[in-house]
Amino acid sequence: MRGAALGGLVGVALAVAACGGGPTARVRAADPVAAQTALRNWLECEECWEGELAAVVALGDEGVPSLAATLREGMSPAARARLERQLAERYDERAAWAETHPGTRPAMTREEFVAHHVRNRDALYRVRSVRALARIRTPAALLVLREELERTQHEGLREEIRKALADL
């Protein structure tokens, strides 16, 4: 569901944003791959200075189903698997380095390292979904936030949603 929902959105959204349509522009994109790319870029950006959020906001209600799914479920299975592979490789590189550099042994096991960083990234995806939905500000986006505020048991996420709703 998430891939299809991410799908049909971003090509036109990116064009609108690039042409000055700005974060409040509402578009119906024809390019599902571009929509997925915009959403992935926002969820995964490090510095987020390249207009990643504006491109997602430009999707308007078209982006709400994917953002809602990410808010409720966290990372997609594909994103989770990709991150787990990357983290395992990073851990192995650090462990290999430690073999020739005493005192640099990783503090966690490989499994702990991967699980810790996956949990952090999953939380980041959820928080960024909250922020995008709050910036989209349509009735559908706000409904998702209000429903998740009632549903989630995660106090940190509840606080993020409360803050987003209060800032509207």
N, C-alpha and C. Protein backbone atom coordinates (compact mmCIF):
# COMPACT_ATOMS: atom_id res chain seq x y z
N MET A 1 0.82 -1.19 0.00
CA MET A 1 0.00 0.00 0.00
C MET A 1 0.86 1.26 0.00
N ARG A 2 1.90 1.28 0.84
CA ARG A 2 2.70 2.47 0.97
C ARG A 2 3.34 2.84 -0.35
N GLY A 3 3.93 1.88 -1.08
CA GLY A 3 4.58 2.18 -2.35
C GLY A 3 3.60 2.76 -3.35
N ALA A 4 2.42 2.19 -3.43
CA ALA A 4 1.41 2.70 -4.36
C ALA A 4 0.96 4.09 -3.94
N ALA A 5 0.78 4.29 -2.65
CA ALA A 5 0.33 5.59 -2.18
C ALA A 5 1.43 6.64 -2.38
N LEU A 6 2.68 6.25 -2.15
CA LEU A 6 3.78 7.16 -2.37
C LEU A 6 3.88 7.49 -3.85
N GLY A 7 3.44 6.54 -4.62
CA GLY A 7 3.55 6.56 -6.05
C GLY A 7 3.15 7.81 -6.76
N GLY A 8 1.93 8.05 -7.10
CA GLY A 8 1.55 9.00 -8.13
C GLY A 8 1.73 10.45 -7.83
N LEU A 9 2.78 10.87 -7.13
CA LEU A 9 2.70 12.21 -6.62
C LEU A 9 3.78 13.21 -6.96
N VAL A 10 5.01 12.86 -6.95
CA VAL A 10 6.04 13.87 -6.78
C VAL A 10 6.54 14.55 -8.03
N GLY A 11 6.48 13.96 -9.19
CA GLY A 11 7.03 14.59 -10.38
C GLY A 11 6.55 16.00 -10.57
N VAL A 12 5.26 16.18 -10.59
CA VAL A 12 4.71 17.52 -10.74
C VAL A 12 5.01 18.34 -9.50
N ALA A 13 4.98 17.71 -8.34
CA ALA A 13 5.26 18.44 -7.10
C ALA A 13 6.66 19.04 -7.14
N LEU A 14 7.62 18.28 -7.61
CA LEU A 14 8.98 18.79 -7.70
C LEU A 14 9.05 19.93 -8.71
N ALA A 15 8.35 19.78 -9.81
CA ALA A 15 8.34 20.83 -10.81
C ALA A 15 7.71 22.10 -10.25
N VAL A 16 6.62 21.96 -9.52
CA VAL A 16 5.96 23.13 -8.93
C VAL A 16 6.88 23.78 -7.91
N ALA A 17 7.49 22.98 -7.07
CA ALA A 17 8.39 23.54 -6.06
C ALA A 17 9.57 24.24 -6.72
N ALA A 18 10.12 23.63 -7.77
CA ALA A 18 11.26 24.22 -8.46
C ALA A 18 10.88 25.52 -9.16
N CYS A 19 9.63 25.64 -9.57
CA CYS A 19 9.17 26.83 -10.29
C CYS A 19 8.58 27.87 -9.36
N GLY A 20 8.78 27.71 -8.08
CA GLY A 20 8.31 28.71 -7.14
C GLY A 20 6.92 28.43 -6.60
N GLY A 21 6.39 27.25 -6.83
CA GLY A 21 5.07 26.91 -6.31
C GLY A 21 5.07 26.88 -4.80
N GLY A 22 6.22 26.61 -4.21
CA GLY A 22 6.36 26.68 -2.77
C GLY A 22 5.65 25.57 -2.03
N PRO A 23 5.79 25.57 -0.71
CA PRO A 23 5.28 24.48 0.11
C PRO A 23 3.77 24.42 0.21
N THR A 24 3.06 25.48 -0.17
CA THR A 24 1.61 25.43 -0.06
C THR A 24 0.95 25.03 -1.37
N ALA A 25 1.72 24.86 -2.42
CA ALA A 25 1.14 24.45 -3.71
C ALA A 25 0.53 23.07 -3.58
N ARG A 26 -0.61 22.87 -4.19
CA ARG A 26 -1.28 21.57 -4.19
C ARG A 26 -1.28 21.07 -5.63
N VAL A 27 -0.72 19.90 -5.82
CA VAL A 27 -0.63 19.36 -7.17
C VAL A 27 -1.03 17.91 -7.19
N ARG A 28 -1.34 17.44 -8.35
CA ARG A 28 -1.58 16.02 -8.56
C ARG A 28 -0.48 15.55 -9.49
N ALA A 29 0.45 14.82 -8.97
CA ALA A 29 1.60 14.40 -9.76
C ALA A 29 1.26 13.20 -10.61
N ALA A 30 1.93 13.12 -11.73
CA ALA A 30 1.69 12.01 -12.64
C ALA A 30 2.75 10.94 -12.53
N ASP A 31 3.80 11.19 -11.78
CA ASP A 31 4.95 10.29 -11.75
C ASP A 31 5.09 9.62 -10.38
N PRO A 32 4.64 8.36 -10.28
CA PRO A 32 4.72 7.67 -8.99
C PRO A 32 6.14 7.53 -8.46
N VAL A 33 7.09 7.35 -9.36
CA VAL A 33 8.48 7.19 -8.92
C VAL A 33 8.98 8.50 -8.31
N ALA A 34 8.61 9.61 -8.91
CA ALA A 34 9.02 10.90 -8.37
C ALA A 34 8.39 11.14 -7.00
N ALA A 35 7.14 10.71 -6.82
CA ALA A 35 6.48 10.85 -5.52
C ALA A 35 7.21 10.03 -4.47
N GLN A 36 7.53 8.80 -4.80
CA GLN A 36 8.27 7.96 -3.86
C GLN A 36 9.61 8.60 -3.52
N THR A 37 10.25 9.15 -4.52
CA THR A 37 11.55 9.77 -4.31
C THR A 37 11.44 10.97 -3.36
N ALA A 38 10.44 11.82 -3.57
CA ALA A 38 10.27 12.99 -2.69
C ALA A 38 10.03 12.55 -1.25
N LEU A 39 9.16 11.57 -1.06
CA LEU A 39 8.88 11.10 0.30
C LEU A 39 10.11 10.45 0.92
N ARG A 40 10.81 9.62 0.15
CA ARG A 40 12.01 8.98 0.68
C ARG A 40 13.07 10.03 1.00
N ASN A 41 13.23 11.03 0.12
CA ASN A 41 14.22 12.08 0.37
C ASN A 41 13.92 12.81 1.68
N TRP A 42 12.66 13.10 1.96
CA TRP A 42 12.29 13.78 3.20
C TRP A 42 12.52 12.88 4.41
N LEU A 43 12.13 11.64 4.31
CA LEU A 43 12.26 10.74 5.46
C LEU A 43 13.71 10.40 5.77
N GLU A 44 14.57 10.42 4.75
CA GLU A 44 15.95 9.96 4.94
C GLU A 44 17.01 11.05 4.89
N CYS A 45 16.62 12.30 4.62
CA CYS A 45 17.65 13.34 4.47
C CYS A 45 18.43 13.53 5.78
N GLU A 46 19.68 13.91 5.62
CA GLU A 46 20.55 14.17 6.77
C GLU A 46 20.45 15.64 7.18
N GLU A 47 20.71 16.53 6.27
CA GLU A 47 20.70 17.95 6.55
C GLU A 47 19.36 18.59 6.22
N CYS A 48 18.66 18.07 5.24
CA CYS A 48 17.32 18.55 4.84
C CYS A 48 17.32 20.03 4.49
N TRP A 49 18.25 20.43 3.65
CA TRP A 49 18.34 21.81 3.20
C TRP A 49 18.01 21.96 1.72
N GLU A 50 17.57 20.89 1.10
CA GLU A 50 17.37 20.90 -0.35
C GLU A 50 15.90 20.97 -0.74
N GLY A 51 15.04 21.41 0.14
CA GLY A 51 13.62 21.52 -0.17
C GLY A 51 12.86 20.20 -0.07
N GLU A 52 13.41 19.25 0.68
CA GLU A 52 12.78 17.93 0.81
C GLU A 52 11.37 18.03 1.40
N LEU A 53 11.21 18.79 2.48
CA LEU A 53 9.90 18.92 3.09
C LEU A 53 8.94 19.66 2.15
N ALA A 54 9.39 20.70 1.49
CA ALA A 54 8.53 21.46 0.58
C ALA A 54 8.00 20.57 -0.54
N ALA A 55 8.84 19.67 -1.03
CA ALA A 55 8.39 18.76 -2.10
C ALA A 55 7.29 17.83 -1.61
N VAL A 56 7.38 17.38 -0.37
CA VAL A 56 6.34 16.51 0.20
C VAL A 56 5.08 17.32 0.48
N VAL A 57 5.23 18.50 1.04
CA VAL A 57 4.07 19.34 1.32
C VAL A 57 3.33 19.67 0.03
N ALA A 58 4.06 19.86 -1.06
CA ALA A 58 3.44 20.17 -2.34
C ALA A 58 2.54 19.04 -2.83
N LEU A 59 2.72 17.85 -2.30
CA LEU A 59 1.85 16.74 -2.67
C LEU A 59 0.44 16.91 -2.12
N GLY A 60 0.31 17.67 -1.06
CA GLY A 60 -1.00 17.89 -0.45
C GLY A 60 -1.62 16.57 -0.01
N ASP A 61 -2.93 16.46 -0.19
CA ASP A 61 -3.65 15.26 0.25
C ASP A 61 -3.17 14.00 -0.45
N GLU A 62 -2.53 14.13 -1.58
CA GLU A 62 -2.00 12.95 -2.28
C GLU A 62 -0.94 12.25 -1.44
N GLY A 63 -0.22 13.00 -0.63
CA GLY A 63 0.82 12.40 0.20
C GLY A 63 0.34 11.90 1.55
N VAL A 64 -0.87 12.24 1.93
CA VAL A 64 -1.37 11.90 3.26
C VAL A 64 -1.42 10.39 3.52
N PRO A 65 -1.91 9.56 2.60
CA PRO A 65 -1.95 8.12 2.91
C PRO A 65 -0.58 7.53 3.22
N SER A 66 0.43 7.91 2.47
CA SER A 66 1.77 7.38 2.73
C SER A 66 2.33 7.90 4.04
N LEU A 67 2.13 9.18 4.30
CA LEU A 67 2.60 9.74 5.56
C LEU A 67 1.86 9.13 6.74
N ALA A 68 0.56 8.89 6.58
CA ALA A 68 -0.22 8.25 7.65
C ALA A 68 0.30 6.84 7.92
N ALA A 69 0.58 6.10 6.86
CA ALA A 69 1.10 4.73 7.03
C ALA A 69 2.45 4.75 7.74
N THR A 70 3.30 5.70 7.37
CA THR A 70 4.60 5.79 8.02
C THR A 70 4.46 6.22 9.47
N LEU A 71 3.55 7.14 9.75
CA LEU A 71 3.32 7.56 11.13
C LEU A 71 2.85 6.38 11.98
N ARG A 72 1.94 5.59 11.45
CA ARG A 72 1.37 4.47 12.22
C ARG A 72 2.29 3.26 12.30
N GLU A 73 2.97 2.95 11.20
CA GLU A 73 3.72 1.70 11.10
C GLU A 73 5.22 1.86 11.11
N GLY A 74 5.70 3.08 10.96
CA GLY A 74 7.13 3.29 10.90
C GLY A 74 7.68 3.01 9.52
N MET A 75 8.91 2.63 9.47
CA MET A 75 9.60 2.38 8.21
C MET A 75 8.93 1.25 7.44
N SER A 76 9.00 1.35 6.14
CA SER A 76 8.50 0.25 5.31
C SER A 76 9.44 -0.94 5.48
N PRO A 77 8.96 -2.14 5.22
CA PRO A 77 9.85 -3.31 5.31
C PRO A 77 11.08 -3.19 4.41
N ALA A 78 10.91 -2.62 3.23
CA ALA A 78 12.05 -2.47 2.31
C ALA A 78 13.07 -1.49 2.87
N ALA A 79 12.61 -0.36 3.40
CA ALA A 79 13.53 0.61 3.99
C ALA A 79 14.23 0.03 5.21
N ARG A 80 13.49 -0.70 6.02
CA ARG A 80 14.07 -1.34 7.20
C ARG A 80 15.16 -2.35 6.80
N ALA A 81 14.87 -3.17 5.82
CA ALA A 81 15.84 -4.18 5.37
C ALA A 81 17.10 -3.52 4.80
N ARG A 82 16.91 -2.45 4.01
CA ARG A 82 18.05 -1.74 3.44
C ARG A 82 18.91 -1.15 4.55
N LEU A 83 18.27 -0.53 5.54
CA LEU A 83 19.01 0.07 6.65
C LEU A 83 19.73 -0.99 7.47
N GLU A 84 19.06 -2.10 7.74
CA GLU A 84 19.70 -3.18 8.50
C GLU A 84 20.96 -3.68 7.80
N ARG A 85 20.89 -3.83 6.48
CA ARG A 85 22.08 -4.26 5.71
C ARG A 85 23.20 -3.24 5.84
N GLN A 86 22.86 -1.96 5.68
CA GLN A 86 23.87 -0.91 5.76
C GLN A 86 24.51 -0.86 7.15
N LEU A 87 23.69 -0.98 8.17
CA LEU A 87 24.21 -0.93 9.53
C LEU A 87 25.08 -2.13 9.85
N ALA A 88 24.69 -3.30 9.38
CA ALA A 88 25.49 -4.50 9.61
C ALA A 88 26.85 -4.36 8.93
N GLU A 89 26.86 -3.80 7.72
CA GLU A 89 28.13 -3.57 7.02
C GLU A 89 29.00 -2.57 7.79
N ARG A 90 28.37 -1.50 8.28
CA ARG A 90 29.11 -0.49 9.04
C ARG A 90 29.70 -1.11 10.30
N TYR A 91 28.91 -1.93 10.99
CA TYR A 91 29.40 -2.58 12.19
C TYR A 91 30.59 -3.48 11.87
N ASP A 92 30.46 -4.27 10.81
CA ASP A 92 31.55 -5.17 10.42
C ASP A 92 32.82 -4.40 10.10
N GLU A 93 32.68 -3.24 9.44
CA GLU A 93 33.85 -2.41 9.14
C GLU A 93 34.50 -1.91 10.44
N ARG A 94 33.68 -1.50 11.38
CA ARG A 94 34.21 -1.02 12.67
C ARG A 94 34.88 -2.16 13.44
N ALA A 95 34.28 -3.33 13.40
CA ALA A 95 34.86 -4.48 14.09
C ALA A 95 36.19 -4.86 13.45
N ALA A 96 36.27 -4.80 12.14
CA ALA A 96 37.54 -5.11 11.45
C ALA A 96 38.60 -4.08 11.82
N TRP A 97 38.23 -2.82 11.88
CA TRP A 97 39.15 -1.75 12.28
C TRP A 97 39.67 -2.01 13.70
N ALA A 98 38.79 -2.44 14.57
CA ALA A 98 39.15 -2.67 15.97
C ALA A 98 40.18 -3.79 16.12
N GLU A 99 40.21 -4.71 15.17
CA GLU A 99 41.19 -5.80 15.25
C GLU A 99 42.62 -5.29 15.18
N THR A 100 42.83 -4.18 14.49
CA THR A 100 44.19 -3.64 14.36
C THR A 100 44.38 -2.35 15.17
N HIS A 101 43.34 -1.91 15.86
CA HIS A 101 43.42 -0.69 16.65
C HIS A 101 42.85 -0.96 18.05
N PRO A 102 43.69 -1.39 18.95
CA PRO A 102 43.24 -1.73 20.30
C PRO A 102 42.48 -0.57 20.96
N GLY A 103 41.47 -0.94 21.72
CA GLY A 103 40.68 0.05 22.44
C GLY A 103 39.54 0.66 21.64
N THR A 104 39.34 0.19 20.41
CA THR A 104 38.28 0.75 19.58
C THR A 104 37.17 -0.26 19.30
N ARG A 105 37.17 -1.32 20.09
CA ARG A 105 36.14 -2.35 19.89
C ARG A 105 34.76 -1.75 20.10
N PRO A 106 33.78 -2.07 19.24
CA PRO A 106 32.42 -1.56 19.42
C PRO A 106 31.86 -1.92 20.79
N ALA A 107 31.11 -0.99 21.38
CA ALA A 107 30.55 -1.19 22.71
C ALA A 107 29.34 -2.12 22.70
N MET A 108 28.73 -2.30 21.54
CA MET A 108 27.53 -3.14 21.41
C MET A 108 27.83 -4.33 20.52
N THR A 109 27.00 -5.33 20.66
CA THR A 109 27.09 -6.43 19.70
C THR A 109 26.53 -5.95 18.36
N ARG A 110 26.77 -6.71 17.35
CA ARG A 110 26.25 -6.36 16.01
C ARG A 110 24.73 -6.23 16.04
N GLU A 111 24.07 -7.17 16.70
CA GLU A 111 22.60 -7.16 16.77
C GLU A 111 22.10 -5.94 17.54
N GLU A 112 22.76 -5.61 18.66
CA GLU A 112 22.37 -4.44 19.44
C GLU A 112 22.56 -3.15 18.65
N PHE A 113 23.68 -3.07 17.94
CA PHE A 113 24.00 -1.90 17.12
C PHE A 113 22.92 -1.68 16.06
N VAL A 114 22.62 -2.74 15.34
CA VAL A 114 21.61 -2.65 14.28
C VAL A 114 20.25 -2.28 14.87
N ALA A 115 19.83 -2.97 15.91
CA ALA A 115 18.51 -2.71 16.51
C ALA A 115 18.41 -1.28 17.04
N HIS A 116 19.46 -0.82 17.70
CA HIS A 116 19.47 0.54 18.25
C HIS A 116 19.27 1.59 17.16
N HIS A 117 20.04 1.47 16.09
CA HIS A 117 19.97 2.47 15.03
C HIS A 117 18.70 2.35 14.19
N VAL A 118 18.17 1.15 14.05
CA VAL A 118 16.89 0.98 13.34
C VAL A 118 15.77 1.64 14.14
N ARG A 119 15.76 1.45 15.45
CA ARG A 119 14.75 2.10 16.30
C ARG A 119 14.82 3.62 16.17
N ASN A 120 16.03 4.16 16.18
CA ASN A 120 16.20 5.61 16.05
C ASN A 120 15.69 6.11 14.70
N ARG A 121 16.03 5.40 13.65
CA ARG A 121 15.59 5.83 12.31
C ARG A 121 14.09 5.70 12.18
N ASP A 122 13.52 4.66 12.75
CA ASP A 122 12.08 4.48 12.70
C ASP A 122 11.39 5.65 13.40
N ALA A 123 11.91 6.06 14.53
CA ALA A 123 11.35 7.21 15.25
C ALA A 123 11.47 8.48 14.42
N LEU A 124 12.59 8.64 13.73
CA LEU A 124 12.78 9.81 12.87
C LEU A 124 11.74 9.83 11.75
N TYR A 125 11.48 8.70 11.13
CA TYR A 125 10.46 8.61 10.08
C TYR A 125 9.11 9.05 10.62
N ARG A 126 8.76 8.59 11.80
CA ARG A 126 7.46 8.93 12.38
C ARG A 126 7.37 10.43 12.68
N VAL A 127 8.41 10.99 13.26
CA VAL A 127 8.42 12.41 13.59
C VAL A 127 8.36 13.24 12.31
N ARG A 128 9.08 12.85 11.30
CA ARG A 128 9.03 13.61 10.04
C ARG A 128 7.67 13.48 9.38
N SER A 129 7.00 12.36 9.55
CA SER A 129 5.64 12.23 9.05
C SER A 129 4.71 13.21 9.75
N VAL A 130 4.87 13.33 11.06
CA VAL A 130 4.08 14.31 11.82
C VAL A 130 4.33 15.71 11.28
N ARG A 131 5.56 16.06 11.10
CA ARG A 131 5.89 17.42 10.65
C ARG A 131 5.34 17.70 9.25
N ALA A 132 5.43 16.72 8.37
CA ALA A 132 4.90 16.92 7.01
C ALA A 132 3.38 17.03 7.04
N LEU A 133 2.72 16.18 7.79
CA LEU A 133 1.25 16.25 7.88
C LEU A 133 0.81 17.59 8.46
N ALA A 134 1.52 18.08 9.46
CA ALA A 134 1.17 19.38 10.05
C ALA A 134 1.36 20.51 9.04
N ARG A 135 2.38 20.40 8.20
CA ARG A 135 2.61 21.44 7.18
C ARG A 135 1.62 21.33 6.04
N ILE A 136 1.14 20.13 5.73
CA ILE A 136 0.14 19.96 4.68
C ILE A 136 -1.16 20.63 5.11
N ARG A 137 -1.55 20.45 6.37
CA ARG A 137 -2.65 21.17 7.02
C ARG A 137 -4.03 20.99 6.40
N THR A 138 -4.25 20.01 5.58
CA THR A 138 -5.60 19.80 5.06
C THR A 138 -6.41 19.07 6.11
N PRO A 139 -7.73 19.06 5.99
CA PRO A 139 -8.54 18.31 6.95
C PRO A 139 -8.11 16.85 7.06
N ALA A 140 -7.78 16.23 5.94
CA ALA A 140 -7.35 14.81 5.97
C ALA A 140 -6.05 14.65 6.75
N ALA A 141 -5.10 15.55 6.55
CA ALA A 141 -3.82 15.47 7.25
C ALA A 141 -4.01 15.69 8.75
N LEU A 142 -4.83 16.66 9.11
CA LEU A 142 -5.06 16.94 10.53
C LEU A 142 -5.83 15.81 11.20
N LEU A 143 -6.72 15.18 10.47
CA LEU A 143 -7.45 14.03 11.02
C LEU A 143 -6.48 12.90 11.36
N VAL A 144 -5.53 12.64 10.48
CA VAL A 144 -4.54 11.60 10.75
C VAL A 144 -3.78 11.91 12.04
N LEU A 145 -3.37 13.15 12.20
CA LEU A 145 -2.63 13.53 13.41
C LEU A 145 -3.49 13.36 14.66
N ARG A 146 -4.73 13.79 14.59
CA ARG A 146 -5.61 13.66 15.77
C ARG A 146 -5.88 12.19 16.10
N GLU A 147 -6.09 11.38 15.08
CA GLU A 147 -6.33 9.95 15.32
C GLU A 147 -5.11 9.29 15.93
N GLU A 148 -3.94 9.63 15.42
CA GLU A 148 -2.72 9.01 15.95
C GLU A 148 -2.43 9.50 17.37
N LEU A 149 -2.78 10.72 17.67
CA LEU A 149 -2.61 11.23 19.03
C LEU A 149 -3.40 10.37 20.01
N GLU A 150 -4.58 9.94 19.62
CA GLU A 150 -5.42 9.09 20.46
C GLU A 150 -4.94 7.63 20.47
N ARG A 151 -4.37 7.18 19.37
CA ARG A 151 -4.03 5.78 19.19
C ARG A 151 -2.68 5.39 19.79
N THR A 152 -1.68 6.21 19.56
CA THR A 152 -0.32 5.80 19.92
C THR A 152 -0.11 5.74 21.44
N GLN A 153 0.69 4.81 21.84
CA GLN A 153 1.07 4.68 23.25
C GLN A 153 2.45 5.28 23.51
N HIS A 154 3.13 5.69 22.45
CA HIS A 154 4.49 6.22 22.57
C HIS A 154 4.43 7.69 22.98
N GLU A 155 4.85 7.97 24.21
CA GLU A 155 4.69 9.32 24.74
C GLU A 155 5.49 10.36 23.96
N GLY A 156 6.66 10.00 23.49
CA GLY A 156 7.46 10.93 22.70
C GLY A 156 6.75 11.32 21.41
N LEU A 157 6.12 10.37 20.77
CA LEU A 157 5.38 10.64 19.54
C LEU A 157 4.13 11.46 19.85
N ARG A 158 3.47 11.12 20.94
CA ARG A 158 2.29 11.89 21.35
C ARG A 158 2.67 13.36 21.57
N GLU A 159 3.80 13.59 22.21
CA GLU A 159 4.24 14.96 22.46
C GLU A 159 4.55 15.68 21.15
N GLU A 160 5.17 14.99 20.22
CA GLU A 160 5.47 15.59 18.91
C GLU A 160 4.17 15.97 18.18
N ILE A 161 3.18 15.13 18.26
CA ILE A 161 1.88 15.42 17.61
C ILE A 161 1.21 16.58 18.32
N ARG A 162 1.21 16.58 19.64
CA ARG A 162 0.62 17.70 20.39
C ARG A 162 1.26 19.02 19.99
N LYS A 163 2.57 19.02 19.92
CA LYS A 163 3.31 20.23 19.54
C LYS A 163 2.93 20.67 18.13
N ALA A 164 2.87 19.73 17.21
CA ALA A 164 2.52 20.06 15.82
C ALA A 164 1.12 20.65 15.74
N LEU A 165 0.18 20.06 16.44
CA LEU A 165 -1.20 20.55 16.42
C LEU A 165 -1.30 21.92 17.10
N ALA A 166 -0.55 22.13 18.15
CA ALA A 166 -0.59 23.41 18.86
C ALA A 166 0.00 24.53 18.01
N ASP A 167 0.95 24.19 17.13
CA ASP A 167 1.62 25.21 16.30
C ASP A 167 0.77 25.61 15.09
N LEU A 168 -0.38 24.97 14.89
CA LEU A 168 -1.19 25.27 13.70
C LEU A 168 -1.93 26.58 13.85
